[in-house]
Amino acid sequence: MAQPKYLISACLCGICSRYDGGSFDYPALRQLAEAGLAIPFCPEQAGGLSTPRKPCEIAGDRVMAADGTDCTAQYRLGAEEALAVCRKYGLAAAILKEGSPSCGSHRIRDGSHTGRKIPGMGITAALLAKEGVVLYTEEALPPEVAENNR
């Protein structure tokens, strides 16, 4: 089996892990996981949240569900678990779901639960970046993945 190179948001590989119980299917990303080159991972599930779950957004230094539940602890635990997987497998890069309160690398929702997006990073993305993991998104893939996706 191939040596994994990436941690990848599970929802990008067709794994039903999104807050609404759904997923995305990016064939090139699913194939990376199927070939053993990427490890699918959902920080929100790893932090103890169910699927489906209430949508969450970052509000200041907290992660709040639409119903007012504070989910910060679960998001932080999921981020730590993602970092542990990167360390265990020597992964220096991750492909994460843009816009997610966990995985967003460049933008997130503003915490008002109105759908408004702002520049920012999700909890997992911020921790991984701080620890030196190179971040990519489904919108900006690693060059070798983008090349194979044409």
N, C-alpha and C. Protein backbone atom coordinates (compact mmCIF):
# COMPACT_ATOMS: atom_id res chain seq x y z
N MET A 1 0.84 -1.19 0.00
CA MET A 1 0.00 0.00 0.00
C MET A 1 0.88 1.24 0.00
N ALA A 2 0.38 2.29 -0.62
CA ALA A 2 1.13 3.54 -0.74
C ALA A 2 1.27 4.23 0.62
N GLN A 3 2.30 5.02 0.74
CA GLN A 3 2.50 5.84 1.94
C GLN A 3 1.60 7.08 1.83
N PRO A 4 0.75 7.34 2.83
CA PRO A 4 -0.11 8.52 2.75
C PRO A 4 0.72 9.81 2.74
N LYS A 5 0.23 10.79 1.98
CA LYS A 5 0.90 12.09 1.87
C LYS A 5 0.07 13.21 2.46
N TYR A 6 -1.25 13.00 2.55
CA TYR A 6 -2.15 14.08 2.96
C TYR A 6 -3.17 13.61 3.99
N LEU A 7 -3.52 14.51 4.88
CA LEU A 7 -4.75 14.40 5.64
C LEU A 7 -5.79 15.09 4.76
N ILE A 8 -6.98 14.54 4.66
CA ILE A 8 -7.98 15.13 3.78
C ILE A 8 -9.33 15.15 4.49
N SER A 9 -10.05 16.26 4.34
CA SER A 9 -11.39 16.33 4.92
C SER A 9 -12.22 15.18 4.38
N ALA A 10 -12.76 14.37 5.27
CA ALA A 10 -13.51 13.18 4.87
C ALA A 10 -14.67 13.54 3.94
N CYS A 11 -15.30 14.67 4.18
CA CYS A 11 -16.46 15.05 3.37
C CYS A 11 -16.10 15.29 1.91
N LEU A 12 -14.82 15.56 1.62
CA LEU A 12 -14.39 15.80 0.24
C LEU A 12 -14.23 14.50 -0.55
N CYS A 13 -14.23 13.38 0.16
CA CYS A 13 -14.01 12.06 -0.47
C CYS A 13 -15.29 11.27 -0.62
N GLY A 14 -16.43 11.90 -0.40
CA GLY A 14 -17.69 11.19 -0.52
C GLY A 14 -18.15 10.53 0.77
N ILE A 15 -17.45 10.78 1.87
CA ILE A 15 -17.83 10.21 3.17
C ILE A 15 -18.85 11.15 3.83
N CYS A 16 -19.98 10.62 4.20
CA CYS A 16 -21.06 11.42 4.77
C CYS A 16 -20.69 11.87 6.19
N SER A 17 -20.03 13.01 6.27
CA SER A 17 -19.57 13.51 7.56
C SER A 17 -19.92 14.98 7.76
N ARG A 18 -20.53 15.61 6.78
CA ARG A 18 -20.91 17.02 6.91
C ARG A 18 -21.97 17.19 8.00
N TYR A 19 -22.13 18.41 8.47
CA TYR A 19 -23.12 18.69 9.51
C TYR A 19 -24.52 18.25 9.10
N ASP A 20 -24.82 18.31 7.80
CA ASP A 20 -26.15 17.94 7.31
C ASP A 20 -26.27 16.47 6.93
N GLY A 21 -25.21 15.70 7.21
CA GLY A 21 -25.21 14.28 6.90
C GLY A 21 -24.75 13.96 5.49
N GLY A 22 -24.44 15.00 4.73
CA GLY A 22 -24.03 14.80 3.34
C GLY A 22 -22.53 14.78 3.16
N SER A 23 -22.15 14.86 1.90
CA SER A 23 -20.74 14.86 1.54
C SER A 23 -20.59 15.52 0.18
N PHE A 24 -19.37 15.63 -0.26
CA PHE A 24 -19.03 16.07 -1.61
C PHE A 24 -18.30 14.90 -2.24
N ASP A 25 -18.32 14.84 -3.56
CA ASP A 25 -17.53 13.80 -4.21
C ASP A 25 -16.66 14.43 -5.28
N TYR A 26 -15.43 14.66 -4.91
CA TYR A 26 -14.41 15.13 -5.84
C TYR A 26 -13.64 13.88 -6.25
N PRO A 27 -13.86 13.37 -7.47
CA PRO A 27 -13.24 12.10 -7.86
C PRO A 27 -11.74 12.04 -7.62
N ALA A 28 -11.00 13.10 -7.93
CA ALA A 28 -9.54 13.07 -7.74
C ALA A 28 -9.19 12.90 -6.27
N LEU A 29 -9.97 13.52 -5.39
CA LEU A 29 -9.69 13.43 -3.95
C LEU A 29 -10.11 12.07 -3.40
N ARG A 30 -11.24 11.57 -3.87
CA ARG A 30 -11.67 10.23 -3.47
C ARG A 30 -10.64 9.20 -3.90
N GLN A 31 -10.12 9.36 -5.10
CA GLN A 31 -9.12 8.42 -5.62
C GLN A 31 -7.82 8.48 -4.80
N LEU A 32 -7.44 9.67 -4.34
CA LEU A 32 -6.26 9.78 -3.46
C LEU A 32 -6.45 8.92 -2.22
N ALA A 33 -7.63 9.02 -1.62
CA ALA A 33 -7.92 8.24 -0.41
C ALA A 33 -7.96 6.75 -0.74
N GLU A 34 -8.62 6.39 -1.82
CA GLU A 34 -8.73 4.98 -2.20
C GLU A 34 -7.36 4.36 -2.50
N ALA A 35 -6.43 5.17 -3.00
CA ALA A 35 -5.08 4.69 -3.31
C ALA A 35 -4.17 4.69 -2.09
N GLY A 36 -4.69 5.14 -0.95
CA GLY A 36 -3.88 5.18 0.27
C GLY A 36 -2.94 6.36 0.35
N LEU A 37 -3.14 7.36 -0.52
CA LEU A 37 -2.28 8.53 -0.53
C LEU A 37 -2.81 9.65 0.35
N ALA A 38 -4.02 9.49 0.85
CA ALA A 38 -4.62 10.48 1.74
C ALA A 38 -5.42 9.76 2.82
N ILE A 39 -5.41 10.33 4.00
CA ILE A 39 -6.17 9.77 5.12
C ILE A 39 -7.40 10.65 5.33
N PRO A 40 -8.60 10.13 5.02
CA PRO A 40 -9.83 10.90 5.26
C PRO A 40 -10.03 11.09 6.76
N PHE A 41 -10.43 12.30 7.14
CA PHE A 41 -10.56 12.62 8.56
C PHE A 41 -11.59 13.73 8.72
N CYS A 42 -12.48 13.57 9.67
CA CYS A 42 -13.44 14.63 10.01
C CYS A 42 -13.16 15.07 11.44
N PRO A 43 -12.60 16.27 11.62
CA PRO A 43 -12.30 16.73 12.98
C PRO A 43 -13.55 16.87 13.85
N GLU A 44 -14.66 17.21 13.25
CA GLU A 44 -15.88 17.39 14.04
C GLU A 44 -16.36 16.06 14.61
N GLN A 45 -16.32 15.01 13.78
CA GLN A 45 -16.67 13.69 14.29
C GLN A 45 -15.63 13.23 15.32
N ALA A 46 -14.36 13.45 15.03
CA ALA A 46 -13.29 13.04 15.96
C ALA A 46 -13.40 13.76 17.30
N GLY A 47 -13.98 14.95 17.28
CA GLY A 47 -14.18 15.70 18.51
C GLY A 47 -15.41 15.28 19.29
N GLY A 48 -16.19 14.34 18.72
CA GLY A 48 -17.34 13.81 19.45
C GLY A 48 -18.69 14.29 18.96
N LEU A 49 -18.72 15.07 17.89
CA LEU A 49 -20.01 15.55 17.38
C LEU A 49 -20.62 14.50 16.46
N SER A 50 -21.93 14.45 16.45
CA SER A 50 -22.65 13.46 15.64
C SER A 50 -22.79 13.96 14.20
N THR A 51 -23.20 13.06 13.35
CA THR A 51 -23.58 13.39 11.98
C THR A 51 -24.95 12.78 11.76
N PRO A 52 -25.95 13.59 11.41
CA PRO A 52 -25.89 15.05 11.26
C PRO A 52 -25.79 15.75 12.62
N ARG A 53 -25.52 17.07 12.54
CA ARG A 53 -25.38 17.90 13.74
C ARG A 53 -25.83 19.31 13.39
N LYS A 54 -26.07 20.12 14.41
CA LYS A 54 -26.44 21.52 14.18
C LYS A 54 -25.26 22.24 13.50
N PRO A 55 -25.53 23.10 12.53
CA PRO A 55 -24.45 23.86 11.91
C PRO A 55 -23.80 24.78 12.95
N CYS A 56 -22.48 24.87 12.85
CA CYS A 56 -21.71 25.71 13.77
C CYS A 56 -20.95 26.78 13.02
N GLU A 57 -20.66 27.86 13.72
CA GLU A 57 -19.84 28.94 13.19
C GLU A 57 -18.96 29.47 14.31
N ILE A 58 -17.83 30.04 13.91
CA ILE A 58 -16.92 30.64 14.88
C ILE A 58 -17.41 32.04 15.20
N ALA A 59 -17.56 32.31 16.49
CA ALA A 59 -17.99 33.62 16.98
C ALA A 59 -16.97 34.06 18.03
N GLY A 60 -16.06 34.92 17.63
CA GLY A 60 -14.99 35.32 18.55
C GLY A 60 -14.06 34.15 18.78
N ASP A 61 -13.91 33.75 20.03
CA ASP A 61 -13.03 32.61 20.35
C ASP A 61 -13.83 31.35 20.66
N ARG A 62 -15.10 31.34 20.30
CA ARG A 62 -15.98 30.20 20.57
C ARG A 62 -16.51 29.64 19.25
N VAL A 63 -16.93 28.38 19.28
CA VAL A 63 -17.63 27.77 18.15
C VAL A 63 -19.05 27.49 18.65
N MET A 64 -19.99 28.15 18.01
CA MET A 64 -21.37 28.07 18.48
C MET A 64 -22.27 27.44 17.43
N ALA A 65 -23.14 26.53 17.91
CA ALA A 65 -24.16 25.94 17.03
C ALA A 65 -25.27 26.95 16.83
N ALA A 66 -26.04 26.74 15.79
CA ALA A 66 -27.15 27.63 15.47
C ALA A 66 -28.15 27.73 16.61
N ASP A 67 -28.24 26.68 17.45
CA ASP A 67 -29.20 26.70 18.56
C ASP A 67 -28.59 27.29 19.84
N GLY A 68 -27.36 27.82 19.77
CA GLY A 68 -26.72 28.44 20.93
C GLY A 68 -25.81 27.53 21.73
N THR A 69 -25.73 26.26 21.36
CA THR A 69 -24.85 25.32 22.07
C THR A 69 -23.39 25.65 21.77
N ASP A 70 -22.58 25.69 22.81
CA ASP A 70 -21.15 25.95 22.67
C ASP A 70 -20.45 24.63 22.34
N CYS A 71 -19.87 24.55 21.15
CA CYS A 71 -19.20 23.34 20.68
C CYS A 71 -17.68 23.51 20.62
N THR A 72 -17.17 24.53 21.27
CA THR A 72 -15.74 24.85 21.20
C THR A 72 -14.87 23.67 21.63
N ALA A 73 -15.22 23.02 22.71
CA ALA A 73 -14.39 21.91 23.21
C ALA A 73 -14.30 20.78 22.19
N GLN A 74 -15.40 20.45 21.54
CA GLN A 74 -15.39 19.39 20.55
C GLN A 74 -14.54 19.78 19.33
N TYR A 75 -14.62 21.02 18.93
CA TYR A 75 -13.82 21.49 17.79
C TYR A 75 -12.33 21.48 18.12
N ARG A 76 -12.00 21.90 19.32
CA ARG A 76 -10.58 21.89 19.72
C ARG A 76 -10.05 20.46 19.83
N LEU A 77 -10.85 19.55 20.39
CA LEU A 77 -10.44 18.15 20.49
C LEU A 77 -10.23 17.56 19.09
N GLY A 78 -11.15 17.84 18.18
CA GLY A 78 -11.02 17.35 16.81
C GLY A 78 -9.77 17.88 16.13
N ALA A 79 -9.42 19.13 16.38
CA ALA A 79 -8.20 19.72 15.82
C ALA A 79 -6.97 19.01 16.37
N GLU A 80 -6.96 18.74 17.66
CA GLU A 80 -5.83 18.03 18.27
C GLU A 80 -5.71 16.62 17.70
N GLU A 81 -6.84 15.97 17.47
CA GLU A 81 -6.82 14.63 16.88
C GLU A 81 -6.29 14.67 15.45
N ALA A 82 -6.66 15.69 14.70
CA ALA A 82 -6.14 15.84 13.33
C ALA A 82 -4.62 16.01 13.36
N LEU A 83 -4.14 16.83 14.26
CA LEU A 83 -2.69 17.03 14.40
C LEU A 83 -2.01 15.72 14.78
N ALA A 84 -2.63 14.95 15.67
CA ALA A 84 -2.05 13.66 16.09
C ALA A 84 -1.94 12.71 14.90
N VAL A 85 -2.93 12.69 14.02
CA VAL A 85 -2.88 11.84 12.83
C VAL A 85 -1.74 12.30 11.92
N CYS A 86 -1.62 13.61 11.72
CA CYS A 86 -0.53 14.13 10.88
C CYS A 86 0.83 13.70 11.45
N ARG A 87 0.98 13.82 12.75
CA ARG A 87 2.25 13.43 13.37
C ARG A 87 2.49 11.93 13.27
N LYS A 88 1.46 11.14 13.53
CA LYS A 88 1.61 9.68 13.50
C LYS A 88 2.07 9.18 12.13
N TYR A 89 1.52 9.77 11.07
CA TYR A 89 1.82 9.30 9.72
C TYR A 89 2.84 10.18 8.99
N GLY A 90 3.38 11.17 9.69
CA GLY A 90 4.37 12.04 9.06
C GLY A 90 3.80 12.87 7.92
N LEU A 91 2.56 13.29 8.05
CA LEU A 91 1.90 14.05 6.99
C LEU A 91 2.27 15.53 7.11
N ALA A 92 2.82 16.08 6.05
CA ALA A 92 3.24 17.48 6.06
C ALA A 92 2.24 18.38 5.34
N ALA A 93 1.15 17.80 4.80
CA ALA A 93 0.17 18.59 4.06
C ALA A 93 -1.24 18.05 4.31
N ALA A 94 -2.21 18.94 4.15
CA ALA A 94 -3.62 18.57 4.32
C ALA A 94 -4.44 19.26 3.25
N ILE A 95 -5.48 18.57 2.79
CA ILE A 95 -6.45 19.13 1.85
C ILE A 95 -7.75 19.25 2.62
N LEU A 96 -8.16 20.49 2.89
CA LEU A 96 -9.28 20.74 3.80
C LEU A 96 -10.42 21.48 3.12
N LYS A 97 -11.62 21.27 3.62
CA LYS A 97 -12.84 21.88 3.06
C LYS A 97 -12.89 23.36 3.39
N GLU A 98 -12.79 24.17 2.34
CA GLU A 98 -12.85 25.61 2.51
C GLU A 98 -14.21 26.03 3.06
N GLY A 99 -14.21 27.01 3.95
CA GLY A 99 -15.44 27.56 4.51
C GLY A 99 -15.92 26.89 5.78
N SER A 100 -15.35 25.75 6.12
CA SER A 100 -15.77 25.00 7.29
C SER A 100 -15.23 25.66 8.58
N PRO A 101 -16.01 25.60 9.67
CA PRO A 101 -15.51 26.13 10.94
C PRO A 101 -14.35 25.30 11.50
N SER A 102 -14.18 24.10 10.99
CA SER A 102 -13.01 23.29 11.35
C SER A 102 -11.90 23.49 10.34
N CYS A 103 -12.24 23.33 9.08
CA CYS A 103 -11.24 23.15 8.03
C CYS A 103 -11.01 24.33 7.12
N GLY A 104 -11.78 25.38 7.22
CA GLY A 104 -11.59 26.54 6.35
C GLY A 104 -10.19 27.11 6.49
N SER A 105 -9.52 27.30 5.37
CA SER A 105 -8.15 27.81 5.39
C SER A 105 -8.07 29.31 5.12
N HIS A 106 -9.05 29.82 4.37
CA HIS A 106 -9.00 31.23 3.98
C HIS A 106 -10.26 32.00 4.36
N ARG A 107 -11.38 31.28 4.48
CA ARG A 107 -12.63 31.97 4.83
C ARG A 107 -13.52 31.04 5.64
N ILE A 108 -14.30 31.67 6.48
CA ILE A 108 -15.27 30.98 7.34
C ILE A 108 -16.53 31.84 7.39
N ARG A 109 -17.57 31.32 7.97
CA ARG A 109 -18.77 32.14 8.18
C ARG A 109 -18.55 33.01 9.41
N ASP A 110 -19.25 34.12 9.47
CA ASP A 110 -18.94 35.18 10.44
C ASP A 110 -19.49 34.97 11.85
N GLY A 111 -20.18 33.89 12.12
CA GLY A 111 -20.71 33.64 13.45
C GLY A 111 -22.14 34.08 13.65
N SER A 112 -22.72 34.73 12.66
CA SER A 112 -24.10 35.23 12.78
C SER A 112 -25.14 34.21 12.31
N HIS A 113 -24.68 33.10 11.73
CA HIS A 113 -25.56 32.06 11.18
C HIS A 113 -26.49 32.63 10.10
N THR A 114 -25.98 33.59 9.34
CA THR A 114 -26.72 34.17 8.22
C THR A 114 -26.11 33.78 6.89
N GLY A 115 -25.00 33.02 6.91
CA GLY A 115 -24.33 32.61 5.69
C GLY A 115 -23.25 33.58 5.22
N ARG A 116 -23.08 34.69 5.92
CA ARG A 116 -22.07 35.68 5.52
C ARG A 116 -20.67 35.12 5.77
N LYS A 117 -19.81 35.22 4.75
CA LYS A 117 -18.44 34.70 4.85
C LYS A 117 -17.46 35.83 5.06
N ILE A 118 -16.42 35.52 5.84
CA ILE A 118 -15.37 36.50 6.13
C ILE A 118 -14.01 35.80 6.02
N PRO A 119 -12.95 36.57 5.85
CA PRO A 119 -11.62 35.95 5.89
C PRO A 119 -11.38 35.34 7.27
N GLY A 120 -10.79 34.17 7.30
CA GLY A 120 -10.50 33.53 8.58
C GLY A 120 -10.16 32.07 8.38
N MET A 121 -9.78 31.45 9.50
CA MET A 121 -9.42 30.03 9.48
C MET A 121 -10.25 29.27 10.48
N GLY A 122 -10.56 28.03 10.12
CA GLY A 122 -11.24 27.14 11.03
C GLY A 122 -10.29 26.66 12.13
N ILE A 123 -10.83 26.04 13.14
CA ILE A 123 -10.07 25.60 14.32
C ILE A 123 -8.97 24.61 13.93
N THR A 124 -9.30 23.60 13.15
CA THR A 124 -8.31 22.59 12.74
C THR A 124 -7.28 23.20 11.80
N ALA A 125 -7.74 23.95 10.82
CA ALA A 125 -6.82 24.57 9.86
C ALA A 125 -5.81 25.45 10.59
N ALA A 126 -6.27 26.24 11.53
CA ALA A 126 -5.36 27.14 12.26
C ALA A 126 -4.31 26.37 13.05
N LEU A 127 -4.72 25.29 13.72
CA LEU A 127 -3.77 24.51 14.49
C LEU A 127 -2.76 23.82 13.58
N LEU A 128 -3.23 23.22 12.50
CA LEU A 128 -2.31 22.54 11.59
C LEU A 128 -1.32 23.53 10.98
N ALA A 129 -1.81 24.70 10.56
CA ALA A 129 -0.92 25.71 9.98
C ALA A 129 0.12 26.17 11.00
N LYS A 130 -0.32 26.37 12.24
CA LYS A 130 0.60 26.79 13.31
C LYS A 130 1.71 25.76 13.52
N GLU A 131 1.38 24.49 13.32
CA GLU A 131 2.33 23.40 13.51
C GLU A 131 3.10 23.06 12.23
N GLY A 132 2.95 23.87 11.19
CA GLY A 132 3.76 23.71 9.99
C GLY A 132 3.19 22.82 8.90
N VAL A 133 1.95 22.37 9.05
CA VAL A 133 1.32 21.55 8.01
C VAL A 133 0.89 22.50 6.88
N VAL A 134 1.25 22.17 5.66
CA VAL A 134 0.88 22.97 4.49
C VAL A 134 -0.58 22.69 4.17
N LEU A 135 -1.36 23.74 3.99
CA LEU A 135 -2.79 23.58 3.77
C LEU A 135 -3.17 23.85 2.32
N TYR A 136 -4.02 22.97 1.80
CA TYR A 136 -4.64 23.12 0.49
C TYR A 136 -6.14 23.01 0.69
N THR A 137 -6.89 23.38 -0.33
CA THR A 137 -8.35 23.24 -0.29
C THR A 137 -8.81 22.55 -1.56
N GLU A 138 -10.09 22.22 -1.61
CA GLU A 138 -10.64 21.64 -2.83
C GLU A 138 -10.62 22.66 -3.97
N GLU A 139 -10.47 23.94 -3.63
CA GLU A 139 -10.39 25.01 -4.64
C GLU A 139 -8.96 25.27 -5.10
N ALA A 140 -7.99 24.91 -4.29
CA ALA A 140 -6.57 25.12 -4.61
C ALA A 140 -5.82 23.87 -4.18
N LEU A 141 -5.79 22.89 -5.09
CA LEU A 141 -5.21 21.57 -4.81
C LEU A 141 -3.68 21.61 -4.89
N PRO A 142 -3.02 20.64 -4.25
CA PRO A 142 -1.57 20.52 -4.43
C PRO A 142 -1.27 20.36 -5.92
N PRO A 143 -0.16 20.91 -6.41
CA PRO A 143 0.13 20.85 -7.85
C PRO A 143 0.05 19.46 -8.45
N GLU A 144 0.60 18.44 -7.79
CA GLU A 144 0.57 17.10 -8.37
C GLU A 144 -0.83 16.50 -8.41
N VAL A 145 -1.70 16.92 -7.50
CA VAL A 145 -3.08 16.46 -7.51
C VAL A 145 -3.86 17.21 -8.60
N ALA A 146 -3.66 18.52 -8.69
CA ALA A 146 -4.34 19.34 -9.69
C ALA A 146 -3.98 18.86 -11.08
N GLU A 147 -2.71 18.51 -11.28
CA GLU A 147 -2.25 18.03 -12.58
C GLU A 147 -2.95 16.74 -12.98
N ASN A 148 -3.15 15.85 -12.02
CA ASN A 148 -3.83 14.58 -12.29
C ASN A 148 -5.34 14.74 -12.38
N ASN A 149 -5.85 15.90 -12.01
CA ASN A 149 -7.28 16.17 -12.00
C ASN A 149 -7.75 16.74 -13.33
N ARG A 150 -6.83 17.01 -14.23
CA ARG A 150 -7.20 17.63 -15.52
C ARG A 150 -7.82 16.65 -16.47
